[in-house]
C-alpha atoms as a PDB file:
ATOM      1  CA  MET A   1       3.320  -2.147 -25.241  1.00  0.00           C
ATOM      2  CA  ILE A   2       6.546  -2.040 -27.210  1.00  0.00           C
ATOM      3  CA  HIS A   3       7.555  -4.915 -29.461  1.00  0.00           C
ATOM      4  CA  ASP A   4      11.178  -4.522 -30.459  1.00  0.00           C
ATOM      5  CA  ARG A   5      12.335  -7.245 -32.812  1.00  0.00           C
ATOM      6  CA  GLU A   6      15.903  -6.966 -34.084  1.00  0.00           C
ATOM      7  CA  ALA A   7      15.760  -3.184 -33.760  1.00  0.00           C
ATOM      8  CA  HIS A   8      17.134  -2.479 -30.287  1.00  0.00           C
ATOM      9  CA  GLU A   9      19.116   0.650 -31.179  1.00  0.00           C
ATOM     10  CA  GLU A  10      16.340   2.189 -33.255  1.00  0.00           C
ATOM     11  CA  THR A  11      13.711   1.423 -30.616  1.00  0.00           C
ATOM     12  CA  MET A  12      15.828   2.841 -27.807  1.00  0.00           C
ATOM     13  CA  ALA A  13      16.533   6.019 -29.779  1.00  0.00           C
ATOM     14  CA  ILE A  14      12.790   6.612 -30.083  1.00  0.00           C
ATOM     15  CA  LEU A  15      12.160   5.770 -26.422  1.00  0.00           C
ATOM     16  CA  ARG A  16      14.939   8.087 -25.225  1.00  0.00           C
ATOM     17  CA  GLN A  17      13.354  10.952 -27.175  1.00  0.00           C
ATOM     18  CA  ALA A  18       9.870  10.170 -25.827  1.00  0.00           C
ATOM     19  CA  ALA A  19      10.875   9.835 -22.166  1.00  0.00           C
ATOM     20  CA  PRO A  20       9.688  10.593 -19.580  1.00  0.00           C
ATOM     21  CA  PHE A  21       6.451   8.714 -20.148  1.00  0.00           C
ATOM     22  CA  GLN A  22       3.107   9.867 -18.794  1.00  0.00           C
ATOM     23  CA  GLN A  23       1.781   6.311 -18.737  1.00  0.00           C
ATOM     24  CA  ARG A  24       3.180   2.903 -17.943  1.00  0.00           C
ATOM     25  CA  GLY A  25       4.740   0.671 -20.552  1.00  0.00           C
ATOM     26  CA  VAL A  26       6.316  -2.694 -21.174  1.00  0.00           C
ATOM     27  CA  MET A  27       8.930  -4.120 -23.493  1.00  0.00           C
ATOM     28  CA  HIS A  28       6.950  -7.099 -24.775  1.00  0.00           C
ATOM     29  CA  CYS A  29       8.806 -10.341 -25.492  1.00  0.00           C
ATOM     30  CA  PHE A  30      12.130  -8.871 -24.371  1.00  0.00           C
ATOM     31  CA  SER A  31      15.117 -10.186 -26.312  1.00  0.00           C
ATOM     32  CA  GLY A  32      17.910  -7.800 -25.387  1.00  0.00           C
ATOM     33  CA  ASP A  33      20.857  -8.072 -23.042  1.00  0.00           C
ATOM     34  CA  LEU A  34      21.354  -6.836 -19.478  1.00  0.00           C
ATOM     35  CA  SER A  35      22.623  -3.416 -20.554  1.00  0.00           C
ATOM     36  CA  LEU A  36      19.525  -2.821 -22.668  1.00  0.00           C
ATOM     37  CA  ALA A  37      17.268  -4.133 -19.903  1.00  0.00           C
ATOM     38  CA  ARG A  38      18.789  -1.711 -17.399  1.00  0.00           C
ATOM     39  CA  GLU A  39      18.203   1.200 -19.749  1.00  0.00           C
ATOM     40  CA  VAL A  40      14.606   0.111 -20.353  1.00  0.00           C
ATOM     41  CA  VAL A  41      13.959  -0.096 -16.603  1.00  0.00           C
ATOM     42  CA  ASP A  42      15.662   3.279 -16.052  1.00  0.00           C
ATOM     43  CA  LEU A  43      13.125   4.730 -18.503  1.00  0.00           C
ATOM     44  CA  GLY A  44      10.364   3.399 -16.244  1.00  0.00           C
ATOM     45  CA  LEU A  45       9.248   0.475 -18.380  1.00  0.00           C
ATOM     46  CA  TYR A  46       8.635  -3.124 -17.385  1.00  0.00           C
ATOM     47  CA  ILE A  47      10.488  -6.044 -18.965  1.00  0.00           C
ATOM     48  CA  SER A  48       8.283  -8.913 -20.145  1.00  0.00           C
ATOM     49  CA  LEU A  49       9.943 -12.325 -20.245  1.00  0.00           C
ATOM     50  CA  PRO A  50       8.584 -14.800 -22.822  1.00  0.00           C
ATOM     51  CA  GLY A  51       8.790 -18.586 -23.005  1.00  0.00           C
ATOM     52  CA  VAL A  52      12.208 -18.186 -24.639  1.00  0.00           C
ATOM     53  CA  LEU A  53      13.522 -17.923 -21.071  1.00  0.00           C
ATOM     54  CA  THR A  54      13.014 -21.696 -20.756  1.00  0.00           C
ATOM     55  CA  PHE A  55      15.069 -22.529 -23.870  1.00  0.00           C
ATOM     56  CA  ASN A  56      18.665 -23.781 -23.784  1.00  0.00           C
ATOM     57  CA  LYS A  57      21.362 -21.285 -24.729  1.00  0.00           C
ATOM     58  CA  THR A  58      19.508 -18.187 -23.557  1.00  0.00           C
ATOM     59  CA  GLU A  59      22.121 -17.020 -21.072  1.00  0.00           C
ATOM     60  CA  ALA A  60      21.724 -13.325 -21.936  1.00  0.00           C
ATOM     61  CA  LEU A  61      17.988 -13.451 -21.209  1.00  0.00           C
ATOM     62  CA  ARG A  62      18.592 -15.513 -18.073  1.00  0.00           C
ATOM     63  CA  GLU A  63      21.048 -12.861 -16.894  1.00  0.00           C
ATOM     64  CA  VAL A  64      18.307 -10.252 -17.357  1.00  0.00           C
ATOM     65  CA  ALA A  65      15.920 -12.465 -15.362  1.00  0.00           C
ATOM     66  CA  ARG A  66      18.498 -12.840 -12.596  1.00  0.00           C
ATOM     67  CA  GLU A  67      19.747  -9.239 -12.361  1.00  0.00           C
ATOM     68  CA  ILE A  68      16.791  -6.962 -13.095  1.00  0.00           C
ATOM     69  CA  PRO A  69      14.671  -6.295  -9.978  1.00  0.00           C
ATOM     70  CA  LEU A  70      11.641  -8.567  -9.793  1.00  0.00           C
ATOM     71  CA  GLU A  71       9.538  -5.409  -9.359  1.00  0.00           C
ATOM     72  CA  SER A  72      10.355  -4.571 -12.993  1.00  0.00           C
ATOM     73  CA  LEU A  73       9.552  -7.967 -14.526  1.00  0.00           C
ATOM     74  CA  ILE A  74       6.451  -9.644 -15.858  1.00  0.00           C
ATOM     75  CA  VAL A  75       6.060 -13.007 -17.592  1.00  0.00           C
ATOM     76  CA  GLU A  76       4.131 -13.706 -20.766  1.00  0.00           C
ATOM     77  CA  THR A  77       3.403 -16.438 -23.268  1.00  0.00           C
ATOM     78  CA  ASP A  78       3.421 -14.605 -26.617  1.00  0.00           C
ATOM     79  CA  ALA A  79       0.819 -17.226 -27.576  1.00  0.00           C
ATOM     80  CA  PRO A  80       0.570 -18.838 -30.027  1.00  0.00           C
ATOM     81  CA  PHE A  81       4.343 -18.428 -30.503  1.00  0.00           C
ATOM     82  CA  LEU A  82       7.531 -19.044 -28.475  1.00  0.00           C
ATOM     83  CA  THR A  83       6.136 -21.972 -26.529  1.00  0.00           C
ATOM     84  CA  PRO A  84       8.131 -22.708 -23.370  1.00  0.00           C
ATOM     85  CA  VAL A  85       9.790 -25.998 -22.554  1.00  0.00           C
ATOM     86  CA  PRO A  86       8.322 -28.652 -22.077  1.00  0.00           C
ATOM     87  CA  TYR A  87       5.901 -27.841 -24.923  1.00  0.00           C
ATOM     88  CA  ARG A  88       8.378 -26.168 -27.265  1.00  0.00           C
ATOM     89  CA  GLY A  89       7.477 -26.810 -30.888  1.00  0.00           C
ATOM     90  CA  LYS A  90       3.763 -26.931 -30.181  1.00  0.00           C
ATOM     91  CA  ARG A  91       1.171 -24.163 -30.244  1.00  0.00           C
ATOM     92  CA  ASN A  92       1.603 -21.907 -27.214  1.00  0.00           C
ATOM     93  CA  GLU A  93      -1.307 -21.428 -24.821  1.00  0.00           C
ATOM     94  CA  PRO A  94      -1.845 -18.793 -22.093  1.00  0.00           C
ATOM     95  CA  ALA A  95      -1.770 -21.528 -19.427  1.00  0.00           C
ATOM     96  CA  TYR A  96       1.869 -22.206 -20.296  1.00  0.00           C
ATOM     97  CA  VAL A  97       2.942 -18.946 -18.663  1.00  0.00           C
ATOM     98  CA  LEU A  98       3.362 -21.139 -15.582  1.00  0.00           C
ATOM     99  CA  TYR A  99       6.488 -22.706 -17.129  1.00  0.00           C
ATOM    100  CA  THR A 100       8.089 -19.327 -17.745  1.00  0.00           C
ATOM    101  CA  ALA A 101       7.265 -18.247 -14.186  1.00  0.00           C
ATOM    102  CA  GLN A 102       8.697 -21.513 -12.830  1.00  0.00           C
ATOM    103  CA  CYS A 103      11.891 -20.976 -14.805  1.00  0.00           C
ATOM    104  CA  LEU A 104      12.150 -17.424 -13.447  1.00  0.00           C
ATOM    105  CA  SER A 105      11.745 -18.714  -9.889  1.00  0.00           C
ATOM    106  CA  GLU A 106      14.536 -21.256 -10.433  1.00  0.00           C
ATOM    107  CA  ILE A 107      16.871 -18.654 -11.946  1.00  0.00           C
ATOM    108  CA  ARG A 108      16.304 -16.288  -9.016  1.00  0.00           C
ATOM    109  CA  GLY A 109      16.286 -18.970  -6.317  1.00  0.00           C
ATOM    110  CA  ILE A 110      12.867 -17.989  -4.992  1.00  0.00           C
ATOM    111  CA  THR A 111       9.521 -19.736  -4.855  1.00  0.00           C
ATOM    112  CA  LEU A 112       7.015 -19.830  -7.668  1.00  0.00           C
ATOM    113  CA  ALA A 113       4.540 -18.198  -5.268  1.00  0.00           C
ATOM    114  CA  GLU A 114       6.891 -15.219  -4.832  1.00  0.00           C
ATOM    115  CA  VAL A 115       7.279 -14.839  -8.589  1.00  0.00           C
ATOM    116  CA  ALA A 116       3.521 -15.152  -9.106  1.00  0.00           C
ATOM    117  CA  ALA A 117       2.699 -12.590  -6.422  1.00  0.00           C
ATOM    118  CA  GLN A 118       5.169  -9.964  -7.634  1.00  0.00           C
ATOM    119  CA  THR A 119       4.582 -10.386 -11.363  1.00  0.00           C
ATOM    120  CA  THR A 120       0.821 -10.268 -10.792  1.00  0.00           C
ATOM    121  CA  LEU A 121       1.234  -7.023  -8.848  1.00  0.00           C
ATOM    122  CA  ASN A 122       3.451  -5.676 -11.626  1.00  0.00           C
ATOM    123  CA  CYS A 123       0.772  -6.473 -14.225  1.00  0.00           C
ATOM    124  CA  GLU A 124      -1.888  -4.842 -12.069  1.00  0.00           C
ATOM    125  CA  ARG A 125       0.258  -1.703 -11.904  1.00  0.00           C
ATOM    126  CA  LEU A 126       1.078  -1.816 -15.607  1.00  0.00           C
ATOM    127  CA  PHE A 127      -2.572  -2.025 -16.631  1.00  0.00           C
ATOM    128  CA  ALA A 128      -3.895   0.191 -13.788  1.00  0.00           C
ATOM    129  CA  LEU A 129      -5.826  -2.690 -12.206  1.00  0.00           C
ATOM    130  CA  GLU A 130      -4.645  -2.325  -8.610  1.00  0.00           C
ATOM    131  CA  GLY A 131      -7.494  -2.860  -6.180  1.00  0.00           C
ATOM    132  CA  LYS A 132      -9.951  -3.838  -8.898  1.00  0.00           C
END
């Protein structure tokens, strides 16, 4: 689990040196642009989309959500922080991941069920839980 906050270049320099990875990984609470997201995915990591996706003026993150293959995305809450709309400004709860998933489905023009199925599978693969 990689948490990169305002250190995209430094984080990517370390990841480039460490690749290829023997285990799975995820860029937690992704905040970069499409170019960074593509590089992260090319390194074999998942992109985790937080509740920020539901905020206004997050076009760069929405572009990532739209353009990166769904097979490389997961959704998260980052609870108790970054609460999605409609609860923005309040304490975040794990149950609110639904709002981020709903936003992702709207951005991609697919059903919530499709987002839920694929992101669940992605999490199972990430944490080696397939078939368990």
